[in-house]
Amino acid sequence: MLGLRMSAALLIALASAHLARAQDARDGKQVFQTNCSICHTVQPGRNLVGPTLFGVINRHSGRVPGFHYSSANLQSGLTWDPTTLDRYLTAPRKVVPGTFMTFPGLPDRNKRADVIAYLETLH
């Protein structure tokens, strides 16, 4: 019985450690390059199919000069803080119905946290 309790405690500790894993901007850069850089750049003032994500943290949606946004993004009233970005990166078209962004979402919570940590370094 004691062995079973110790095993259960160990499993709980390991699961908690996994859930509380620190965000890693280096891993986030890789996630960005794999999933986001097809349409977005991190160079200031340079837009691709999507707007630059340089300085995106705490920026209001639809506010990059020279980029043509959907009316849905322009009217969303969102501010790209980490919490909002996490929701958006999970399912962009659910958070902003009518967005031009075709990316279906990033279901892995750790990858989202990492890419957001990377975006937080770009200012």
Protein backbone atom coordinates (compact mmCIF):
# COMPACT_ATOMS: atom_id res chain seq x y z
CA MET A 1 0.00 0.00 0.00
CA LEU A 2 2.81 2.39 0.87
CA GLY A 3 4.45 1.68 -2.51
CA LEU A 4 1.21 2.48 -4.30
CA ARG A 5 0.86 5.79 -2.44
CA MET A 6 4.47 6.69 -3.25
CA SER A 7 3.94 5.82 -6.92
CA ALA A 8 0.79 7.94 -7.03
CA ALA A 9 2.61 10.84 -5.35
CA LEU A 10 5.46 10.55 -7.84
CA LEU A 11 3.05 10.57 -10.79
CA ILE A 12 1.27 13.63 -9.42
CA ALA A 13 4.59 15.42 -8.91
CA LEU A 14 5.72 14.59 -12.44
CA ALA A 15 2.42 15.72 -13.94
CA SER A 16 2.56 18.97 -11.97
CA ALA A 17 6.13 19.60 -13.10
CA HIS A 18 5.10 19.05 -16.71
CA LEU A 19 2.14 21.43 -16.43
CA ALA A 20 4.27 24.08 -14.72
CA ARG A 21 7.10 23.80 -17.25
CA ALA A 22 8.77 27.10 -17.92
CA GLN A 23 8.13 28.82 -21.21
CA ASP A 24 11.13 28.65 -23.50
CA ALA A 25 11.66 31.47 -25.99
CA ARG A 26 14.34 29.46 -27.84
CA ASP A 27 11.89 26.64 -28.42
CA GLY A 28 9.30 29.28 -29.31
CA LYS A 29 11.56 30.66 -32.03
CA GLN A 30 11.65 27.19 -33.58
CA VAL A 31 7.86 26.86 -33.31
CA PHE A 32 7.55 30.28 -34.95
CA GLN A 33 9.88 29.33 -37.79
CA THR A 34 8.01 26.09 -38.39
CA ASN A 35 4.44 27.35 -38.08
CA CYS A 36 4.32 31.13 -38.42
CA SER A 37 7.18 32.37 -40.60
CA ILE A 38 5.45 31.20 -43.76
CA CYS A 39 3.14 34.23 -43.43
CA HIS A 40 4.72 36.44 -40.75
CA THR A 41 8.09 38.05 -40.18
CA VAL A 42 9.58 39.46 -36.99
CA GLN A 43 11.35 42.30 -38.81
CA PRO A 44 9.96 45.72 -37.88
CA GLY A 45 8.04 47.38 -40.70
CA ARG A 46 8.10 44.32 -42.98
CA ASN A 47 4.79 42.64 -43.72
CA LEU A 48 4.32 39.42 -45.65
CA VAL A 49 0.98 37.68 -46.21
CA GLY A 50 0.45 38.46 -42.52
CA PRO A 51 1.61 41.52 -40.60
CA THR A 52 4.97 41.71 -38.87
CA LEU A 53 4.84 40.25 -35.39
CA PHE A 54 7.65 42.46 -34.13
CA GLY A 55 6.24 44.28 -31.11
CA VAL A 56 2.98 42.34 -31.21
CA ILE A 57 2.76 41.95 -27.43
CA ASN A 58 0.23 44.50 -26.10
CA ARG A 59 -0.47 45.83 -29.59
CA HIS A 60 -4.09 46.38 -30.58
CA SER A 61 -5.43 44.14 -33.34
CA GLY A 62 -5.37 45.66 -36.81
CA ARG A 63 -2.77 48.32 -36.06
CA VAL A 64 0.30 47.58 -38.21
CA PRO A 65 0.76 50.42 -40.72
CA GLY A 66 0.58 49.34 -44.34
CA PHE A 67 -1.12 46.01 -43.69
CA HIS A 68 -4.60 45.26 -45.06
CA TYR A 69 -6.62 43.64 -42.27
CA SER A 70 -10.01 41.97 -42.38
CA SER A 71 -12.81 44.06 -40.94
CA ALA A 72 -13.14 41.29 -38.32
CA ASN A 73 -9.61 41.99 -37.05
CA LEU A 74 -10.04 45.74 -37.27
CA GLN A 75 -13.25 45.61 -35.26
CA SER A 76 -12.27 42.88 -32.79
CA GLY A 77 -11.10 45.30 -30.11
CA LEU A 78 -8.45 42.79 -29.05
CA THR A 79 -5.11 43.60 -27.49
CA TRP A 80 -2.48 40.94 -28.12
CA ASP A 81 -1.47 40.22 -24.55
CA PRO A 82 -0.21 36.70 -23.71
CA THR A 83 -3.64 35.46 -22.59
CA THR A 84 -5.40 36.71 -25.72
CA LEU A 85 -2.63 35.37 -27.95
CA ASP A 86 -2.94 31.97 -26.30
CA ARG A 87 -6.69 31.86 -27.02
CA TYR A 88 -6.16 33.13 -30.57
CA LEU A 89 -3.34 30.73 -31.39
CA THR A 90 -5.51 27.86 -30.18
CA ALA A 91 -8.26 28.59 -32.73
CA PRO A 92 -7.89 31.90 -34.63
CA ARG A 93 -11.20 31.69 -36.51
CA LYS A 94 -13.14 31.01 -33.33
CA VAL A 95 -11.65 34.01 -31.54
CA VAL A 96 -11.95 36.34 -34.55
CA PRO A 97 -14.61 34.98 -36.90
CA GLY A 98 -13.98 36.40 -40.35
CA THR A 99 -10.22 36.78 -39.94
CA PHE A 100 -8.16 36.36 -43.10
CA MET A 101 -5.74 34.14 -41.17
CA THR A 102 -6.08 30.58 -42.47
CA PHE A 103 -3.86 28.94 -39.84
CA PRO A 104 -6.07 26.36 -38.08
CA GLY A 105 -4.43 26.79 -34.67
CA LEU A 106 -1.70 25.36 -32.50
CA PRO A 107 -3.30 22.78 -30.19
CA ASP A 108 -0.19 22.10 -28.07
CA ARG A 109 -0.35 24.37 -25.00
CA ASN A 110 3.42 24.18 -24.43
CA LYS A 111 4.21 25.18 -28.00
CA ARG A 112 1.81 28.12 -27.72
CA ALA A 113 3.45 29.20 -24.46
CA ASP A 114 6.89 28.94 -26.06
CA VAL A 115 5.98 30.93 -29.17
CA ILE A 116 4.37 33.62 -26.99
CA ALA A 117 7.55 33.73 -24.87
CA TYR A 118 9.51 34.23 -28.10
CA LEU A 119 7.17 37.00 -29.26
CA GLU A 120 7.66 38.70 -25.88
CA THR A 121 11.37 39.07 -26.69
CA LEU A 122 10.63 41.09 -29.84
CA HIS A 123 10.43 44.74 -28.89
